[in-house]
Amino acid sequence: MSRKGFLTSTAIVLSLMAGQAMADIKFGALYPFSGQLALLGEESARGLEIAVDEVNANGGVQGEQIVLERGDAVDNNQAIGEARRLISVAGVKAIFGTYSSSRSIAASQVAELSGIPYFELGAVADDVTGRGLQYLFRTNPTAEDMGELIVQMVVDKVAPGLGKEPGDLKIGIIHEDSAYGTSVAGHQERYGEEAGLNIVTTQGYPASTVDMSSIVLDLKQRDVDVVFQTSYQNDSVLFLQQANEAGFEPAAIIGGGGGYSMLPTAEAVGNDVIEGVLDADFTQYAVNTDYTPGLEAFVETYKEKYGENPRSGHSLNNYVGAMAILEALDGAENFEPDTIVEAMAGIDVQEGDTAAGYGIKFGENNQNERASMMGMQWQDGQLVTVYPDAGAVTEMKLGN
């Protein structure tokens, strides 16, 4: 071979090597970025974005830089359409999402039929992992975790704090009527019955409702002591505002995640209205950081990237789930679906080793069997952890 031919061949090889070093791997980020659920959808996606930034800064996954292809799951039909587009047009190797349970259920079915892994980092409804899908994995806590924790809070803290037996309290359950709210309410009823709670009413309503005055009036007429509400942001705000306007003052309101964990909800209703309201949800930020290593670093990174404090723990929990998955993928040999499934089976993160506190290990139906929630309360304009004791930073405050 001539010297010119040798140099040409060498240049081609170097070019190919450089191309491999600069290669990208595409993953879908499927969330409600517009529409009614956009605020928490965007907040959830931010956690995934921070995880991707961190992994890319450390060399990427299997030597490739991650590129996120966004899909807007504004409703169930669009979630299906966007999942199809991400798979067939964008060519993603997996999809991350999705926060909304109904959208996750719809879109993950498309991914399953296409043999594409789907990583759910925030939706809680039973049916997300209850369908026995091969390629769907959920890292976050579930509707059952939420329902059980709320009942435990009433038995362990709320009733004693009010000087009453748990069975002497009149409980009213209200919930938005999608898969999310319906799942949580069902578990609240089941665990509540086992604990001997007196549940006097269970009522569902559309999350898009613009008037909850009839529900407020019914709860007031029943002399409900404790309200459980599983809701998104708009209906959380609506209930709190209309309960306040009607002079309905139950001894405790316990929200089930969604809007109850968000600073914009407190800002919308005012600190005087939300003061003392309880919440069961993913790990938030006023928590015992000995139990949540890495949380403070996440908050600083978030503030630097987005110019504000995190608006909800949804970003934190999406970050924690994404990091565990991406680290496992980095140790895999390729991005073939069955290889990814095998990599997920090897994840073994212990409780107390993540910024959310809970560990990660996939069990039956590819659900993270180490996921758990915490109980919070709005105190002086801040959502602080009050339950369980291992994560608490202050005592629960009840009564006047």
Protein backbone atom coordinates (compact mmCIF):
# COMPACT_ATOMS: atom_id res chain seq x y z
CA MET A 1 0.00 0.00 0.00
CA SER A 2 1.30 3.46 -0.87
CA ARG A 3 1.87 6.06 1.81
CA LYS A 4 -1.09 8.04 0.46
CA GLY A 5 -3.31 4.96 0.63
CA PHE A 6 -2.15 4.21 4.16
CA LEU A 7 -2.91 7.76 5.30
CA THR A 8 -6.31 7.64 3.67
CA SER A 9 -7.15 4.32 5.35
CA THR A 10 -5.91 5.62 8.69
CA ALA A 11 -8.05 8.74 8.35
CA ILE A 12 -11.12 6.63 7.63
CA VAL A 13 -10.48 4.42 10.69
CA LEU A 14 -9.93 7.45 12.94
CA SER A 15 -13.04 9.07 11.57
CA LEU A 16 -15.08 5.95 12.32
CA MET A 17 -13.62 5.74 15.82
CA ALA A 18 -14.44 9.38 16.44
CA GLY A 19 -17.94 8.80 15.18
CA GLN A 20 -18.36 5.91 17.58
CA ALA A 21 -17.04 7.99 20.46
CA MET A 22 -19.51 10.75 19.65
CA ALA A 23 -22.45 8.42 19.06
CA ASP A 24 -25.81 9.17 20.62
CA ILE A 25 -28.40 6.87 22.12
CA LYS A 26 -32.00 8.08 22.03
CA PHE A 27 -34.50 7.61 24.82
CA GLY A 28 -38.05 8.93 24.91
CA ALA A 29 -39.22 11.37 27.58
CA LEU A 30 -43.01 11.00 27.50
CA TYR A 31 -44.81 13.37 29.87
CA PRO A 32 -47.78 15.78 29.79
CA PHE A 33 -45.84 18.89 28.78
CA SER A 34 -49.01 20.80 27.94
CA GLY A 35 -52.61 20.72 29.09
CA GLN A 36 -54.08 20.34 32.56
CA LEU A 37 -51.27 18.17 33.97
CA ALA A 38 -48.38 20.11 32.45
CA LEU A 39 -47.01 21.59 35.67
CA LEU A 40 -46.26 18.26 37.34
CA GLY A 41 -45.46 16.67 33.98
CA GLU A 42 -42.72 19.22 33.36
CA GLU A 43 -41.54 18.98 36.97
CA SER A 44 -41.23 15.20 36.63
CA ALA A 45 -39.32 15.48 33.36
CA ARG A 46 -36.82 17.83 34.97
CA GLY A 47 -35.68 15.03 37.26
CA LEU A 48 -35.01 12.80 34.25
CA GLU A 49 -33.15 15.63 32.52
CA ILE A 50 -30.87 16.18 35.52
CA ALA A 51 -30.08 12.44 35.64
CA VAL A 52 -29.23 12.45 31.93
CA ASP A 53 -27.00 15.52 32.34
CA GLU A 54 -25.13 13.81 35.17
CA VAL A 55 -24.67 10.55 33.29
CA ASN A 56 -23.59 12.31 30.09
CA ALA A 57 -21.04 14.38 32.01
CA ASN A 58 -19.54 11.11 33.27
CA GLY A 59 -19.18 9.53 29.83
CA GLY A 60 -22.76 8.58 29.00
CA VAL A 61 -24.17 5.06 28.81
CA GLN A 62 -22.06 2.35 27.21
CA GLY A 63 -19.85 5.14 25.87
CA GLU A 64 -22.74 6.90 24.14
CA GLN A 65 -24.27 10.27 24.96
CA ILE A 66 -27.96 10.19 25.81
CA VAL A 67 -30.37 12.29 23.77
CA LEU A 68 -33.89 12.70 25.10
CA GLU A 69 -36.67 12.85 22.53
CA ARG A 70 -39.69 14.56 24.07
CA GLY A 71 -43.24 13.34 23.59
CA ASP A 72 -46.22 15.33 24.87
CA ALA A 73 -48.76 13.05 26.57
CA VAL A 74 -51.41 15.75 26.83
CA ASP A 75 -54.15 13.09 26.97
CA ASN A 76 -54.46 9.31 26.58
CA ASN A 77 -54.87 9.36 22.80
CA GLN A 78 -51.89 11.62 22.30
CA ALA A 79 -49.84 9.50 24.70
CA ILE A 80 -50.50 6.54 22.40
CA GLY A 81 -49.66 8.54 19.29
CA GLU A 82 -46.50 10.00 20.76
CA ALA A 83 -45.33 6.58 21.96
CA ARG A 84 -45.73 5.29 18.41
CA ARG A 85 -43.84 8.27 17.01
CA LEU A 86 -40.99 7.94 19.50
CA ILE A 87 -40.59 4.26 18.64
CA SER A 88 -41.11 4.20 14.87
CA VAL A 89 -39.88 7.66 13.82
CA ALA A 90 -37.42 8.82 16.48
CA GLY A 91 -36.06 5.30 16.99
CA VAL A 92 -35.77 5.43 20.78
CA LYS A 93 -34.40 2.39 22.59
CA ALA A 94 -36.62 2.93 25.62
CA ILE A 95 -39.22 5.37 26.96
CA PHE A 96 -39.12 7.15 30.31
CA GLY A 97 -42.18 8.77 31.84
CA THR A 98 -44.88 9.59 32.52
CA TYR A 99 -46.34 10.86 35.82
CA SER A 100 -49.99 10.44 34.79
CA SER A 101 -51.19 6.89 35.43
CA SER A 102 -53.82 6.82 32.68
CA ARG A 103 -51.36 8.10 30.09
CA SER A 104 -48.69 5.68 31.27
CA ILE A 105 -51.07 2.74 30.99
CA ALA A 106 -52.05 3.74 27.45
CA ALA A 107 -48.55 4.47 26.16
CA SER A 108 -46.81 1.51 27.79
CA GLN A 109 -49.16 -0.87 26.01
CA VAL A 110 -47.84 0.51 22.70
CA ALA A 111 -44.26 0.04 23.88
CA GLU A 112 -44.97 -3.51 25.05
CA LEU A 113 -46.41 -4.52 21.68
CA SER A 114 -43.33 -3.02 20.01
CA GLY A 115 -40.92 -4.77 22.39
CA ILE A 116 -39.56 -1.46 23.69
CA PRO A 117 -38.77 -1.06 27.44
CA TYR A 118 -40.87 1.50 29.29
CA PHE A 119 -39.62 2.97 32.56
CA GLU A 120 -42.30 4.50 34.75
CA LEU A 121 -40.83 6.90 37.29
CA GLY A 122 -43.91 8.57 38.75
CA ALA A 123 -47.37 7.10 38.02
CA VAL A 124 -48.89 5.26 40.99
CA ALA A 125 -52.05 3.45 39.79
CA ASP A 126 -52.26 -0.30 40.34
CA ASP A 127 -52.73 -1.11 36.66
CA VAL A 128 -49.39 0.39 35.65
CA THR A 129 -47.59 -2.75 36.81
CA GLY A 130 -50.68 -4.87 37.44
CA ARG A 131 -50.93 -6.05 33.84
CA GLY A 132 -47.87 -8.30 33.94
CA LEU A 133 -46.04 -6.54 31.10
CA GLN A 134 -42.59 -7.88 30.24
CA TYR A 135 -40.97 -4.61 29.24
CA LEU A 136 -42.46 -2.17 31.77
CA PHE A 137 -40.57 -1.34 34.98
CA ARG A 138 -41.74 1.04 37.72
CA THR A 139 -39.30 2.58 40.19
CA ASN A 140 -41.65 4.75 42.24
CA PRO A 141 -44.06 3.94 45.09
CA THR A 142 -47.63 2.94 44.25
CA ALA A 143 -51.25 3.74 44.99
CA GLU A 144 -51.24 0.97 47.57
CA ASP A 145 -48.22 2.51 49.32
CA MET A 146 -50.07 5.84 49.42
CA GLY A 147 -53.36 4.42 50.70
CA GLU A 148 -51.68 2.34 53.38
CA LEU A 149 -49.48 5.20 54.59
CA ILE A 150 -52.42 7.58 54.95
CA VAL A 151 -54.31 5.08 57.11
CA GLN A 152 -51.17 4.47 59.19
CA MET A 153 -50.81 8.23 59.73
CA VAL A 154 -54.37 8.43 61.05
CA VAL A 155 -53.89 5.50 63.41
CA ASP A 156 -50.39 6.39 64.62
CA LYS A 157 -50.43 10.20 64.68
CA VAL A 158 -53.67 11.95 63.74
CA ALA A 159 -56.11 10.20 66.08
CA PRO A 160 -53.76 10.31 69.12
CA GLY A 161 -52.94 13.94 68.32
CA LEU A 162 -56.66 14.78 68.42
CA GLY A 163 -57.15 12.80 71.61
CA LYS A 164 -59.46 10.28 69.96
CA GLU A 165 -59.54 6.63 69.04
CA PRO A 166 -59.10 6.03 65.28
CA GLY A 167 -62.55 4.44 65.02
CA ASP A 168 -64.22 7.51 66.55
CA LEU A 169 -63.20 9.75 63.65
CA LYS A 170 -65.56 10.18 60.71
CA ILE A 171 -63.54 9.75 57.51
CA GLY A 172 -64.59 11.16 54.12
CA ILE A 173 -62.76 9.95 51.00
CA ILE A 174 -62.89 12.08 47.84
CA HIS A 175 -60.84 11.44 44.72
CA GLU A 176 -60.45 12.32 41.07
CA ASP A 177 -61.93 9.44 39.12
CA SER A 178 -59.11 8.33 36.81
CA ALA A 179 -56.95 5.25 37.46
CA TYR A 180 -54.83 7.28 39.87
CA GLY A 181 -57.48 8.51 42.27
CA THR A 182 -59.63 5.40 42.03
CA SER A 183 -56.70 3.13 42.88
CA VAL A 184 -55.67 5.15 45.93
CA ALA A 185 -59.24 5.43 47.21
CA GLY A 186 -59.71 1.67 46.93
CA HIS A 187 -56.66 1.03 49.07
CA GLN A 188 -57.74 3.69 51.57
CA GLU A 189 -61.05 1.88 51.97
CA ARG A 190 -59.42 -1.54 52.33
CA TYR A 191 -56.71 -0.51 54.79
CA GLY A 192 -59.14 1.78 56.60
CA GLU A 193 -61.60 -1.05 57.12
CA GLU A 194 -58.82 -3.31 58.43
CA ALA A 195 -57.80 -0.57 60.88
CA GLY A 196 -61.38 -0.07 62.09
CA LEU A 197 -61.80 3.43 60.67
CA ASN A 198 -65.29 4.86 60.24
CA ILE A 199 -65.45 5.78 56.55
CA VAL A 200 -68.76 7.58 56.07
CA THR A 201 -68.51 8.39 52.36
CA THR A 202 -66.38 7.79 49.27
CA GLN A 203 -66.94 10.08 46.30
CA GLY A 204 -65.25 10.35 42.92
CA TYR A 205 -65.31 13.33 40.57
CA PRO A 206 -63.65 14.32 37.25
CA ALA A 207 -60.26 15.98 37.70
CA SER A 208 -61.45 18.66 35.27
CA THR A 209 -64.32 19.70 37.54
CA VAL A 210 -64.79 23.43 38.11
CA ASP A 211 -67.09 23.20 41.13
CA MET A 212 -66.74 21.04 44.25
CA SER A 213 -69.19 22.96 46.41
CA SER A 214 -71.69 20.08 46.52
CA ILE A 215 -68.98 17.69 47.75
CA VAL A 216 -67.86 20.22 50.36
CA LEU A 217 -71.44 20.68 51.55
CA ASP A 218 -72.00 16.92 51.78
CA LEU A 219 -68.83 16.42 53.86
CA LYS A 220 -69.84 19.29 56.11
CA GLN A 221 -73.35 17.91 56.64
CA ARG A 222 -71.89 14.51 57.53
CA ASP A 223 -69.66 16.16 60.20
CA VAL A 224 -66.58 14.59 58.62
CA ASP A 225 -63.54 14.85 60.90
CA VAL A 226 -60.83 13.81 58.43
CA VAL A 227 -60.87 14.21 54.64
CA PHE A 228 -58.72 12.08 52.35
CA GLN A 229 -58.35 13.70 48.91
CA THR A 230 -56.43 12.12 46.04
CA SER A 231 -56.10 14.81 43.42
CA TYR A 232 -54.10 16.72 40.84
CA GLN A 233 -53.27 20.38 41.29
CA ASN A 234 -56.37 22.16 39.99
CA ASP A 235 -58.83 20.06 41.98
CA SER A 236 -56.64 20.27 45.10
CA VAL A 237 -56.77 24.07 44.90
CA LEU A 238 -60.50 24.05 44.15
CA PHE A 239 -61.37 21.87 47.14
CA LEU A 240 -59.24 23.83 49.60
CA GLN A 241 -60.63 27.16 48.39
CA GLN A 242 -64.27 26.08 48.42
CA ALA A 243 -63.95 24.32 51.79
CA ASN A 244 -62.52 27.54 53.21
CA GLU A 245 -65.28 29.64 51.65
CA ALA A 246 -67.94 27.31 53.08
CA GLY A 247 -66.43 27.40 56.56
CA PHE A 248 -65.77 23.65 56.45
CA GLU A 249 -62.95 23.02 58.93
CA PRO A 250 -62.32 19.29 59.44
CA ALA A 251 -59.83 18.29 62.10
CA ALA A 252 -57.46 17.10 59.35
CA ILE A 253 -57.17 17.08 55.57
CA ILE A 254 -54.78 14.51 54.14
CA GLY A 255 -53.90 14.87 50.48
CA GLY A 256 -52.71 12.00 48.35
CA GLY A 257 -49.79 13.49 46.47
CA GLY A 258 -50.46 15.38 43.26
CA GLY A 259 -51.33 18.99 43.98
CA TYR A 260 -50.88 18.71 47.72
CA SER A 261 -47.12 18.44 47.35
CA MET A 262 -46.69 21.53 45.19
CA LEU A 263 -45.60 25.00 46.23
CA PRO A 264 -47.85 26.55 43.52
CA THR A 265 -50.84 25.00 45.33
CA ALA A 266 -49.87 26.72 48.57
CA GLU A 267 -49.35 29.97 46.67
CA ALA A 268 -52.75 29.65 44.99
CA VAL A 269 -54.77 29.10 48.17
CA GLY A 270 -52.60 31.05 50.61
CA ASN A 271 -50.57 29.90 53.58
CA ASP A 272 -53.44 30.52 56.01
CA VAL A 273 -55.65 28.03 54.12
CA ILE A 274 -53.06 25.30 53.60
CA GLU A 275 -51.50 25.59 57.06
CA GLY A 276 -51.67 22.23 58.86
CA VAL A 277 -52.82 20.28 55.80
CA LEU A 278 -51.22 16.82 55.63
CA ASP A 279 -49.96 14.97 52.58
CA ALA A 280 -48.72 11.50 51.67
CA ASP A 281 -46.45 11.40 48.68
CA PHE A 282 -43.02 10.82 47.24
CA THR A 283 -40.09 12.10 49.28
CA GLN A 284 -40.00 15.92 49.41
CA TYR A 285 -37.21 18.29 50.43
CA ALA A 286 -37.66 19.14 54.11
CA VAL A 287 -36.60 15.70 55.25
CA ASN A 288 -33.92 14.06 57.38
CA THR A 289 -31.02 14.07 54.90
CA ASP A 290 -29.18 11.34 56.81
CA TYR A 291 -31.86 9.10 55.30
CA THR A 292 -31.71 10.69 51.82
CA PRO A 293 -28.04 10.98 50.75
CA GLY A 294 -27.58 13.15 47.67
CA LEU A 295 -30.78 15.15 48.10
CA GLU A 296 -29.02 18.43 48.86
CA ALA A 297 -26.74 18.06 45.82
CA PHE A 298 -29.81 17.40 43.65
CA VAL A 299 -31.48 20.58 44.89
CA GLU A 300 -28.38 22.65 44.11
CA THR A 301 -28.13 21.17 40.62
CA TYR A 302 -31.83 21.82 40.03
CA LYS A 303 -31.53 25.46 41.09
CA GLU A 304 -28.49 25.97 38.88
CA LYS A 305 -30.18 24.41 35.83
CA TYR A 306 -33.68 25.87 36.16
CA GLY A 307 -33.13 29.05 38.19
CA GLU A 308 -35.60 28.14 40.94
CA ASN A 309 -36.18 25.67 43.75
CA PRO A 310 -37.82 22.32 42.93
CA ARG A 311 -41.58 22.72 42.83
CA SER A 312 -42.36 19.18 43.97
CA GLY A 313 -40.71 15.92 44.94
CA HIS A 314 -41.75 14.48 41.57
CA SER A 315 -38.52 15.75 40.03
CA LEU A 316 -36.45 14.16 42.80
CA ASN A 317 -38.15 10.79 42.44
CA ASN A 318 -37.84 10.79 38.65
CA TYR A 319 -34.15 11.58 39.09
CA VAL A 320 -33.61 8.72 41.55
CA GLY A 321 -35.37 6.18 39.35
CA ALA A 322 -33.64 7.35 36.19
CA MET A 323 -30.19 7.24 37.77
CA ALA A 324 -30.63 3.64 38.91
CA ILE A 325 -31.81 2.59 35.45
CA LEU A 326 -29.12 4.46 33.53
CA GLU A 327 -26.37 3.12 35.76
CA ALA A 328 -27.65 -0.41 35.18
CA LEU A 329 -27.80 0.17 31.42
CA ASP A 330 -24.21 1.38 31.46
CA GLY A 331 -23.15 -2.07 32.65
CA ALA A 332 -25.09 -3.86 29.92
CA GLU A 333 -23.58 -5.06 26.64
CA ASN A 334 -26.03 -3.37 24.30
CA PHE A 335 -29.44 -1.76 24.08
CA GLU A 336 -31.41 -4.73 22.84
CA PRO A 337 -34.72 -5.08 24.72
CA ASP A 338 -33.94 -8.45 26.32
CA THR A 339 -30.52 -7.20 27.39
CA ILE A 340 -32.16 -4.20 29.03
CA VAL A 341 -34.62 -6.48 30.84
CA GLU A 342 -31.71 -8.55 32.13
CA ALA A 343 -29.92 -5.41 33.33
CA MET A 344 -32.99 -4.32 35.28
CA ALA A 345 -33.07 -7.65 37.11
CA GLY A 346 -29.60 -6.90 38.47
CA ILE A 347 -30.51 -3.60 40.17
CA ASP A 348 -30.11 -3.93 43.95
CA VAL A 349 -30.11 -0.57 45.77
CA GLN A 350 -30.65 -0.61 49.53
CA GLU A 351 -32.99 1.59 51.56
CA GLY A 352 -31.22 4.76 52.70
CA ASP A 353 -28.84 4.75 49.72
CA THR A 354 -30.74 7.13 47.41
CA ALA A 355 -31.73 10.79 47.53
CA ALA A 356 -35.36 9.67 47.97
CA GLY A 357 -34.54 7.36 50.87
CA TYR A 358 -36.10 4.21 49.46
CA GLY A 359 -34.13 1.46 47.74
CA ILE A 360 -34.67 -0.08 44.30
CA LYS A 361 -35.13 -3.74 43.45
CA PHE A 362 -37.66 -5.00 40.94
CA GLY A 363 -39.93 -7.77 42.15
CA GLU A 364 -43.28 -9.14 41.01
CA ASN A 365 -44.59 -7.50 37.82
CA ASN A 366 -41.38 -5.44 37.61
CA GLN A 367 -42.51 -3.18 40.47
CA ASN A 368 -39.85 -1.69 42.74
CA GLU A 369 -40.53 -3.65 45.93
CA ARG A 370 -38.44 -1.25 48.06
CA ALA A 371 -40.33 1.92 47.13
CA SER A 372 -42.10 3.82 49.91
CA MET A 373 -43.78 7.15 50.64
CA MET A 374 -43.59 9.69 53.44
CA GLY A 375 -46.06 11.83 55.33
CA MET A 376 -45.73 15.60 55.17
CA GLN A 377 -47.49 18.65 56.59
CA TRP A 378 -47.70 22.28 55.49
CA GLN A 379 -46.20 24.33 58.33
CA ASP A 380 -45.39 28.04 58.02
CA GLY A 381 -45.52 27.91 54.23
CA GLN A 382 -43.23 24.90 53.91
CA LEU A 383 -43.99 21.22 53.31
CA VAL A 384 -42.09 19.37 56.03
CA THR A 385 -41.73 15.64 56.63
CA VAL A 386 -43.50 14.44 59.78
CA TYR A 387 -43.87 10.68 59.18
CA PRO A 388 -42.31 8.15 59.59
CA ASP A 389 -39.96 9.13 62.37
CA ALA A 390 -36.86 8.07 60.38
CA GLY A 391 -37.53 10.76 57.78
CA ALA A 392 -39.22 13.37 59.98
CA VAL A 393 -37.73 16.80 60.64
CA THR A 394 -40.47 18.01 63.00
CA GLU A 395 -43.59 16.91 64.89
CA MET A 396 -47.05 16.76 63.33
CA LYS A 397 -49.22 19.68 64.51
CA LEU A 398 -52.96 19.11 65.03
CA GLY A 399 -55.80 21.15 66.48
CA ASN A 400 -55.77 24.85 67.36
